[in-house]
Amino acid sequence: MNTFMRWLTASVAALVMVGGAAAQDRATKDEAVAMAKAAFEHVKKVGAEKAYADFSTDKANWNKKDLYVMVYDNNSVALAHGANAKLVGKNLGGLKDANGALIVPGLLAAAAKGGGWFDYDWPHPESKKIEGKTTYAIRQPDGTGFIGVGIYR
């Protein structure tokens, strides 16, 4: 095998390994649903105030791969946010994605239907590039707002 072919083979192998590692860092829809349901149960078990603090600060338990928990009330105010705790207490009802879709109202609507997915475009926290994202939203245990966990598609 000539030098170019060895280099090409090694390059392709390295790309496959990097791509495989990146794919493992991306969560699945099933993992997002499982985390949302676990967050729901955590709110029921420890109470809203403690759970919201956990979701916003306890990265070891509530941030897995590219998953994190967000919680909003019916007025679009962030009650917890695992990716950015500075958003807690802010009304994000007017927050739009790159295409102009209102994100929090869309998630509230998905949760109000008994839970479901809402698609939008959002900057990936690592690459900073706009990517497709879908978030699973369910109502909080008290029936208000939503608990959401999303994945990048």
N, C-alpha and C. Protein backbone atom coordinates (compact mmCIF):
# COMPACT_ATOMS: atom_id res chain seq x y z
N MET A 1 0.86 -1.17 0.00
CA MET A 1 0.00 0.00 0.00
C MET A 1 0.90 1.23 0.00
N ASN A 2 0.60 2.16 -0.91
CA ASN A 2 1.46 3.34 -0.98
C ASN A 2 1.15 4.31 0.16
N THR A 3 1.99 5.31 0.30
CA THR A 3 1.88 6.27 1.40
C THR A 3 0.54 7.00 1.39
N PHE A 4 0.08 7.41 0.21
CA PHE A 4 -1.19 8.12 0.12
C PHE A 4 -2.35 7.24 0.61
N MET A 5 -2.37 6.00 0.21
CA MET A 5 -3.44 5.09 0.61
C MET A 5 -3.42 4.85 2.12
N ARG A 6 -2.23 4.72 2.70
CA ARG A 6 -2.14 4.56 4.16
C ARG A 6 -2.68 5.80 4.87
N TRP A 7 -2.30 6.97 4.34
CA TRP A 7 -2.78 8.23 4.93
C TRP A 7 -4.30 8.32 4.81
N LEU A 8 -4.83 7.98 3.63
CA LEU A 8 -6.27 8.05 3.40
C LEU A 8 -7.00 7.08 4.33
N THR A 9 -6.51 5.88 4.46
CA THR A 9 -7.12 4.88 5.33
C THR A 9 -7.10 5.35 6.78
N ALA A 10 -5.99 5.90 7.23
CA ALA A 10 -5.88 6.39 8.60
C ALA A 10 -6.81 7.58 8.82
N SER A 11 -6.92 8.45 7.83
CA SER A 11 -7.79 9.63 7.95
C SER A 11 -9.25 9.22 8.05
N VAL A 12 -9.67 8.28 7.21
CA VAL A 12 -11.06 7.82 7.25
C VAL A 12 -11.34 7.14 8.59
N ALA A 13 -10.42 6.33 9.07
CA ALA A 13 -10.60 5.66 10.35
C ALA A 13 -10.73 6.67 11.48
N ALA A 14 -9.91 7.72 11.45
CA ALA A 14 -9.99 8.75 12.48
C ALA A 14 -11.33 9.48 12.43
N LEU A 15 -11.81 9.77 11.24
CA LEU A 15 -13.10 10.44 11.11
C LEU A 15 -14.24 9.57 11.62
N VAL A 16 -14.17 8.28 11.33
CA VAL A 16 -15.20 7.36 11.80
C VAL A 16 -15.20 7.32 13.34
N MET A 17 -14.02 7.28 13.93
CA MET A 17 -13.94 7.24 15.39
C MET A 17 -14.46 8.55 16.00
N VAL A 18 -14.09 9.69 15.42
CA VAL A 18 -14.57 10.97 15.93
C VAL A 18 -16.08 11.07 15.74
N GLY A 19 -16.57 10.69 14.58
CA GLY A 19 -18.01 10.72 14.32
C GLY A 19 -18.76 9.82 15.27
N GLY A 20 -18.20 8.66 15.57
CA GLY A 20 -18.84 7.74 16.51
C GLY A 20 -18.87 8.33 17.91
N ALA A 21 -17.80 9.00 18.30
CA ALA A 21 -17.77 9.63 19.62
C ALA A 21 -18.78 10.76 19.69
N ALA A 22 -18.86 11.56 18.62
CA ALA A 22 -19.82 12.66 18.61
C ALA A 22 -21.25 12.13 18.67
N ALA A 23 -21.51 11.03 17.96
CA ALA A 23 -22.86 10.45 17.97
C ALA A 23 -23.22 9.96 19.38
N GLN A 24 -22.25 9.45 20.12
CA GLN A 24 -22.52 8.98 21.47
C GLN A 24 -22.82 10.14 22.41
N ASP A 25 -22.32 11.34 22.09
CA ASP A 25 -22.57 12.51 22.93
C ASP A 25 -23.94 13.10 22.68
N ARG A 26 -24.60 12.67 21.63
CA ARG A 26 -25.94 13.15 21.32
C ARG A 26 -26.95 12.16 21.86
N ALA A 27 -27.91 12.71 22.57
CA ALA A 27 -28.93 11.87 23.18
C ALA A 27 -30.01 11.51 22.16
N THR A 28 -30.81 10.53 22.52
CA THR A 28 -31.91 10.08 21.68
C THR A 28 -33.23 10.64 22.22
N LYS A 29 -34.27 10.51 21.41
CA LYS A 29 -35.60 10.91 21.86
C LYS A 29 -36.02 10.12 23.08
N ASP A 30 -35.72 8.83 23.09
CA ASP A 30 -36.09 8.00 24.24
C ASP A 30 -35.40 8.49 25.51
N GLU A 31 -34.13 8.89 25.40
CA GLU A 31 -33.41 9.40 26.57
C GLU A 31 -34.00 10.72 27.05
N ALA A 32 -34.43 11.57 26.11
CA ALA A 32 -35.04 12.85 26.48
C ALA A 32 -36.36 12.61 27.21
N VAL A 33 -37.18 11.71 26.69
CA VAL A 33 -38.46 11.40 27.35
C VAL A 33 -38.21 10.84 28.74
N ALA A 34 -37.24 9.94 28.85
CA ALA A 34 -36.93 9.34 30.16
C ALA A 34 -36.48 10.41 31.15
N MET A 35 -35.66 11.36 30.71
CA MET A 35 -35.21 12.41 31.63
C MET A 35 -36.38 13.33 32.02
N ALA A 36 -37.25 13.65 31.08
CA ALA A 36 -38.41 14.49 31.39
C ALA A 36 -39.30 13.79 32.43
N LYS A 37 -39.52 12.51 32.25
CA LYS A 37 -40.34 11.76 33.21
C LYS A 37 -39.65 11.66 34.58
N ALA A 38 -38.32 11.49 34.57
CA ALA A 38 -37.58 11.46 35.83
C ALA A 38 -37.66 12.82 36.53
N ALA A 39 -37.59 13.89 35.76
CA ALA A 39 -37.72 15.23 36.33
C ALA A 39 -39.11 15.42 36.94
N PHE A 40 -40.13 14.95 36.25
CA PHE A 40 -41.50 15.02 36.75
C PHE A 40 -41.58 14.32 38.11
N GLU A 41 -41.04 13.12 38.20
CA GLU A 41 -41.06 12.35 39.45
C GLU A 41 -40.23 13.03 40.53
N HIS A 42 -39.14 13.67 40.15
CA HIS A 42 -38.30 14.37 41.12
C HIS A 42 -39.06 15.54 41.74
N VAL A 43 -39.82 16.27 40.92
CA VAL A 43 -40.64 17.37 41.44
C VAL A 43 -41.64 16.82 42.45
N LYS A 44 -42.29 15.71 42.11
CA LYS A 44 -43.27 15.11 43.03
C LYS A 44 -42.61 14.67 44.33
N LYS A 45 -41.40 14.13 44.24
CA LYS A 45 -40.73 13.56 45.41
C LYS A 45 -40.16 14.62 46.35
N VAL A 46 -39.47 15.63 45.81
CA VAL A 46 -38.76 16.59 46.67
C VAL A 46 -39.41 17.97 46.72
N GLY A 47 -40.43 18.17 45.90
CA GLY A 47 -41.08 19.49 45.84
C GLY A 47 -40.48 20.35 44.75
N ALA A 48 -41.29 21.28 44.31
CA ALA A 48 -40.89 22.11 43.17
C ALA A 48 -39.64 22.94 43.44
N GLU A 49 -39.59 23.62 44.55
CA GLU A 49 -38.46 24.52 44.82
C GLU A 49 -37.13 23.79 44.80
N LYS A 50 -37.04 22.66 45.51
CA LYS A 50 -35.79 21.88 45.56
C LYS A 50 -35.49 21.29 44.18
N ALA A 51 -36.50 20.76 43.50
CA ALA A 51 -36.28 20.16 42.18
C ALA A 51 -35.78 21.21 41.18
N TYR A 52 -36.39 22.38 41.18
CA TYR A 52 -35.97 23.43 40.24
C TYR A 52 -34.51 23.81 40.48
N ALA A 53 -34.12 23.92 41.75
CA ALA A 53 -32.72 24.22 42.06
C ALA A 53 -31.81 23.10 41.56
N ASP A 54 -32.23 21.86 41.76
CA ASP A 54 -31.44 20.72 41.28
C ASP A 54 -31.28 20.76 39.76
N PHE A 55 -32.36 21.00 39.04
CA PHE A 55 -32.29 21.01 37.58
C PHE A 55 -31.35 22.08 37.06
N SER A 56 -31.29 23.21 37.77
CA SER A 56 -30.47 24.33 37.34
C SER A 56 -29.00 24.21 37.74
N THR A 57 -28.72 23.47 38.81
CA THR A 57 -27.34 23.47 39.33
C THR A 57 -26.69 22.09 39.44
N ASP A 58 -27.46 21.02 39.55
CA ASP A 58 -26.90 19.68 39.76
C ASP A 58 -26.60 19.03 38.41
N LYS A 59 -25.48 19.44 37.82
CA LYS A 59 -25.11 18.96 36.48
C LYS A 59 -24.83 17.46 36.48
N ALA A 60 -24.32 16.92 37.56
CA ALA A 60 -23.99 15.49 37.60
C ALA A 60 -25.21 14.60 37.40
N ASN A 61 -26.35 15.04 37.93
CA ASN A 61 -27.55 14.22 37.84
C ASN A 61 -28.53 14.66 36.76
N TRP A 62 -28.49 15.93 36.35
CA TRP A 62 -29.52 16.43 35.45
C TRP A 62 -28.99 16.96 34.12
N ASN A 63 -27.73 16.70 33.82
CA ASN A 63 -27.15 17.01 32.52
C ASN A 63 -26.46 15.74 32.03
N LYS A 64 -27.02 15.11 31.02
CA LYS A 64 -26.46 13.88 30.45
C LYS A 64 -26.31 14.08 28.95
N LYS A 65 -25.13 13.79 28.43
CA LYS A 65 -24.85 14.03 27.02
C LYS A 65 -25.22 15.47 26.70
N ASP A 66 -26.13 15.69 25.75
CA ASP A 66 -26.55 17.07 25.45
C ASP A 66 -27.94 17.36 26.02
N LEU A 67 -28.37 16.58 27.01
CA LEU A 67 -29.67 16.76 27.64
C LEU A 67 -29.57 17.62 28.89
N TYR A 68 -30.62 18.40 29.11
CA TYR A 68 -30.78 19.15 30.35
C TYR A 68 -32.27 19.41 30.53
N VAL A 69 -32.66 19.73 31.75
CA VAL A 69 -34.07 19.97 32.07
C VAL A 69 -34.33 21.47 32.10
N MET A 70 -35.48 21.85 31.52
CA MET A 70 -35.97 23.23 31.64
C MET A 70 -37.41 23.16 32.13
N VAL A 71 -37.78 24.13 32.96
CA VAL A 71 -39.14 24.19 33.49
C VAL A 71 -39.63 25.63 33.34
N TYR A 72 -40.85 25.76 32.83
CA TYR A 72 -41.48 27.08 32.66
C TYR A 72 -42.89 27.04 33.23
N ASP A 73 -43.35 28.19 33.70
CA ASP A 73 -44.73 28.27 34.16
C ASP A 73 -45.64 28.66 32.99
N ASN A 74 -46.94 28.78 33.26
CA ASN A 74 -47.90 29.10 32.19
C ASN A 74 -47.72 30.49 31.61
N ASN A 75 -46.96 31.35 32.29
CA ASN A 75 -46.71 32.71 31.80
C ASN A 75 -45.38 32.82 31.07
N SER A 76 -44.77 31.67 30.74
CA SER A 76 -43.49 31.61 30.01
C SER A 76 -42.29 32.07 30.83
N VAL A 77 -42.41 32.04 32.15
CA VAL A 77 -41.30 32.40 33.02
C VAL A 77 -40.49 31.14 33.33
N ALA A 78 -39.18 31.22 33.14
CA ALA A 78 -38.30 30.08 33.43
C ALA A 78 -38.21 29.87 34.94
N LEU A 79 -38.52 28.65 35.36
CA LEU A 79 -38.43 28.28 36.77
C LEU A 79 -37.17 27.48 37.05
N ALA A 80 -36.64 26.83 36.01
CA ALA A 80 -35.39 26.06 36.10
C ALA A 80 -34.82 25.95 34.69
N HIS A 81 -33.49 25.93 34.60
CA HIS A 81 -32.87 25.78 33.29
C HIS A 81 -31.48 25.19 33.46
N GLY A 82 -31.33 23.94 33.06
CA GLY A 82 -30.08 23.23 33.24
C GLY A 82 -28.94 23.69 32.37
N ALA A 83 -29.21 24.43 31.29
CA ALA A 83 -28.14 24.92 30.42
C ALA A 83 -27.73 26.34 30.78
N ASN A 84 -28.64 27.10 31.38
CA ASN A 84 -28.33 28.50 31.66
C ASN A 84 -29.17 28.97 32.84
N ALA A 85 -28.64 28.85 34.04
CA ALA A 85 -29.37 29.22 35.26
C ALA A 85 -29.70 30.71 35.29
N LYS A 86 -29.02 31.54 34.51
CA LYS A 86 -29.30 32.97 34.47
C LYS A 86 -30.66 33.28 33.85
N LEU A 87 -31.25 32.29 33.19
CA LEU A 87 -32.58 32.49 32.59
C LEU A 87 -33.70 32.36 33.61
N VAL A 88 -33.41 31.74 34.75
CA VAL A 88 -34.44 31.53 35.77
C VAL A 88 -35.00 32.88 36.22
N GLY A 89 -36.34 32.95 36.22
CA GLY A 89 -37.03 34.16 36.62
C GLY A 89 -37.36 35.09 35.47
N LYS A 90 -36.88 34.77 34.28
CA LYS A 90 -37.12 35.63 33.12
C LYS A 90 -38.30 35.11 32.30
N ASN A 91 -39.08 36.03 31.78
CA ASN A 91 -40.18 35.69 30.89
C ASN A 91 -39.62 35.56 29.48
N LEU A 92 -39.71 34.36 28.93
CA LEU A 92 -39.16 34.09 27.60
C LEU A 92 -40.25 33.78 26.59
N GLY A 93 -41.44 34.28 26.84
CA GLY A 93 -42.55 34.05 25.93
C GLY A 93 -42.34 34.62 24.54
N GLY A 94 -41.49 35.62 24.41
CA GLY A 94 -41.23 36.21 23.11
C GLY A 94 -39.99 35.66 22.42
N LEU A 95 -39.34 34.66 23.03
CA LEU A 95 -38.12 34.09 22.46
C LEU A 95 -38.44 33.32 21.19
N LYS A 96 -37.76 33.69 20.10
CA LYS A 96 -37.98 33.05 18.80
C LYS A 96 -36.74 32.31 18.34
N ASP A 97 -36.97 31.27 17.54
CA ASP A 97 -35.84 30.57 16.95
C ASP A 97 -35.36 31.33 15.71
N ALA A 98 -34.41 30.76 15.00
CA ALA A 98 -33.82 31.42 13.84
C ALA A 98 -34.83 31.66 12.73
N ASN A 99 -35.95 30.94 12.75
CA ASN A 99 -36.98 31.08 11.72
C ASN A 99 -38.19 31.87 12.19
N GLY A 100 -38.13 32.41 13.40
CA GLY A 100 -39.22 33.23 13.92
C GLY A 100 -40.28 32.48 14.71
N ALA A 101 -40.08 31.17 14.95
CA ALA A 101 -41.05 30.40 15.73
C ALA A 101 -40.89 30.73 17.22
N LEU A 102 -42.02 30.98 17.89
CA LEU A 102 -42.01 31.22 19.33
C LEU A 102 -41.80 29.90 20.06
N ILE A 103 -40.72 29.80 20.80
CA ILE A 103 -40.32 28.52 21.38
C ILE A 103 -41.14 28.15 22.62
N VAL A 104 -41.13 29.00 23.63
CA VAL A 104 -41.80 28.64 24.89
C VAL A 104 -43.30 28.44 24.69
N PRO A 105 -44.00 29.32 23.96
CA PRO A 105 -45.42 29.05 23.70
C PRO A 105 -45.64 27.73 22.96
N GLY A 106 -44.75 27.38 22.06
CA GLY A 106 -44.86 26.10 21.37
C GLY A 106 -44.71 24.93 22.32
N LEU A 107 -43.80 25.05 23.27
CA LEU A 107 -43.61 23.99 24.26
C LEU A 107 -44.78 23.91 25.22
N LEU A 108 -45.31 25.05 25.61
CA LEU A 108 -46.51 25.06 26.46
C LEU A 108 -47.67 24.36 25.76
N ALA A 109 -47.83 24.62 24.46
CA ALA A 109 -48.91 23.99 23.70
C ALA A 109 -48.71 22.48 23.61
N ALA A 110 -47.48 22.04 23.39
CA ALA A 110 -47.20 20.59 23.32
C ALA A 110 -47.53 19.92 24.65
N ALA A 111 -47.15 20.55 25.75
CA ALA A 111 -47.43 19.99 27.07
C ALA A 111 -48.93 19.96 27.35
N ALA A 112 -49.64 21.00 26.92
CA ALA A 112 -51.08 21.09 27.17
C ALA A 112 -51.86 19.99 26.46
N LYS A 113 -51.29 19.42 25.40
CA LYS A 113 -51.95 18.33 24.66
C LYS A 113 -51.69 16.98 25.30
N GLY A 114 -51.14 16.97 26.50
CA GLY A 114 -50.84 15.71 27.16
C GLY A 114 -49.39 15.32 27.02
N GLY A 115 -48.57 16.21 26.50
CA GLY A 115 -47.15 15.95 26.29
C GLY A 115 -46.87 15.73 24.82
N GLY A 116 -45.70 16.16 24.41
CA GLY A 116 -45.33 15.96 23.01
C GLY A 116 -44.08 16.73 22.65
N TRP A 117 -43.76 16.66 21.36
CA TRP A 117 -42.53 17.23 20.82
C TRP A 117 -42.81 18.56 20.14
N PHE A 118 -41.85 19.47 20.25
CA PHE A 118 -41.90 20.74 19.55
C PHE A 118 -40.55 20.94 18.86
N ASP A 119 -40.58 21.19 17.55
CA ASP A 119 -39.36 21.36 16.75
C ASP A 119 -39.05 22.83 16.54
N TYR A 120 -37.77 23.15 16.62
CA TYR A 120 -37.30 24.51 16.36
C TYR A 120 -35.81 24.46 16.05
N ASP A 121 -35.25 25.58 15.65
CA ASP A 121 -33.83 25.67 15.36
C ASP A 121 -33.16 26.49 16.45
N TRP A 122 -31.99 26.01 16.91
CA TRP A 122 -31.34 26.65 18.04
C TRP A 122 -29.84 26.45 17.94
N PRO A 123 -29.04 27.43 18.42
CA PRO A 123 -27.58 27.24 18.39
C PRO A 123 -27.16 26.08 19.30
N HIS A 124 -26.33 25.20 18.77
CA HIS A 124 -25.80 24.12 19.59
C HIS A 124 -24.79 24.73 20.57
N PRO A 125 -24.84 24.36 21.85
CA PRO A 125 -23.97 24.99 22.84
C PRO A 125 -22.47 24.80 22.57
N GLU A 126 -22.09 23.72 21.89
CA GLU A 126 -20.67 23.49 21.62
C GLU A 126 -20.23 24.10 20.30
N SER A 127 -20.97 23.82 19.23
CA SER A 127 -20.55 24.29 17.90
C SER A 127 -20.97 25.73 17.64
N LYS A 128 -21.97 26.21 18.36
CA LYS A 128 -22.57 27.55 18.18
C LYS A 128 -23.30 27.68 16.84
N LYS A 129 -23.39 26.60 16.10
CA LYS A 129 -24.11 26.60 14.82
C LYS A 129 -25.59 26.34 15.06
N ILE A 130 -26.43 26.96 14.24
CA ILE A 130 -27.86 26.73 14.33
C ILE A 130 -28.13 25.30 13.86
N GLU A 131 -28.83 24.54 14.70
CA GLU A 131 -29.18 23.15 14.39
C GLU A 131 -30.65 22.92 14.70
N GLY A 132 -31.18 21.89 14.09
CA GLY A 132 -32.54 21.48 14.42
C GLY A 132 -32.57 20.90 15.82
N LYS A 133 -33.56 21.31 16.58
CA LYS A 133 -33.73 20.79 17.94
C LYS A 133 -35.18 20.40 18.11
N THR A 134 -35.43 19.38 18.88
CA THR A 134 -36.79 18.99 19.23
C THR A 134 -36.82 18.75 20.73
N THR A 135 -37.84 19.29 21.38
CA THR A 135 -37.94 19.19 22.83
C THR A 135 -39.25 18.52 23.20
N TYR A 136 -39.14 17.56 24.11
CA TYR A 136 -40.30 16.87 24.65
C TYR A 136 -40.76 17.65 25.87
N ALA A 137 -42.04 18.04 25.88
CA ALA A 137 -42.59 18.82 26.98
C ALA A 137 -43.79 18.11 27.59
N ILE A 138 -43.81 18.05 28.92
CA ILE A 138 -44.94 17.50 29.66
C ILE A 138 -45.34 18.52 30.73
N ARG A 139 -46.59 18.47 31.12
CA ARG A 139 -47.05 19.35 32.19
C ARG A 139 -46.34 19.01 33.48
N GLN A 140 -46.17 20.00 34.33
CA GLN A 140 -45.62 19.78 35.66
C GLN A 140 -46.62 18.97 36.50
N PRO A 141 -46.18 18.38 37.59
CA PRO A 141 -47.10 17.60 38.42
C PRO A 141 -48.33 18.38 38.89
N ASP A 142 -48.20 19.70 39.08
CA ASP A 142 -49.36 20.47 39.52
C ASP A 142 -50.28 20.87 38.36
N GLY A 143 -49.95 20.41 37.14
CA GLY A 143 -50.79 20.66 35.97
C GLY A 143 -50.53 21.97 35.27
N THR A 144 -49.54 22.73 35.73
CA THR A 144 -49.24 24.00 35.09
C THR A 144 -47.93 23.94 34.33
N GLY A 145 -47.73 24.90 33.43
CA GLY A 145 -46.45 25.02 32.74
C GLY A 145 -45.98 23.72 32.13
N PHE A 146 -44.66 23.59 32.03
CA PHE A 146 -44.11 22.35 31.48
C PHE A 146 -42.71 22.07 32.00
N ILE A 147 -42.36 20.81 31.90
CA ILE A 147 -41.00 20.32 32.08
C ILE A 147 -40.57 19.88 30.69
N GLY A 148 -39.41 20.34 30.23
CA GLY A 148 -38.96 19.99 28.90
C GLY A 148 -37.53 19.50 28.88
N VAL A 149 -37.27 18.56 27.97
CA VAL A 149 -35.93 18.05 27.71
C VAL A 149 -35.82 17.87 26.21
N GLY A 150 -34.76 18.45 25.62
CA GLY A 150 -34.65 18.41 24.16
C GLY A 150 -33.38 17.74 23.67
N ILE A 151 -33.42 17.41 22.39
CA ILE A 151 -32.25 16.84 21.71
C ILE A 151 -32.00 17.63 20.44
N TYR A 152 -30.75 17.63 20.02
CA TYR A 152 -30.41 18.18 18.71
C TYR A 152 -30.57 17.07 17.71
N ARG A 153 -31.25 17.39 16.59
CA ARG A 153 -31.54 16.37 15.58
C ARG A 153 -30.38 16.22 14.62
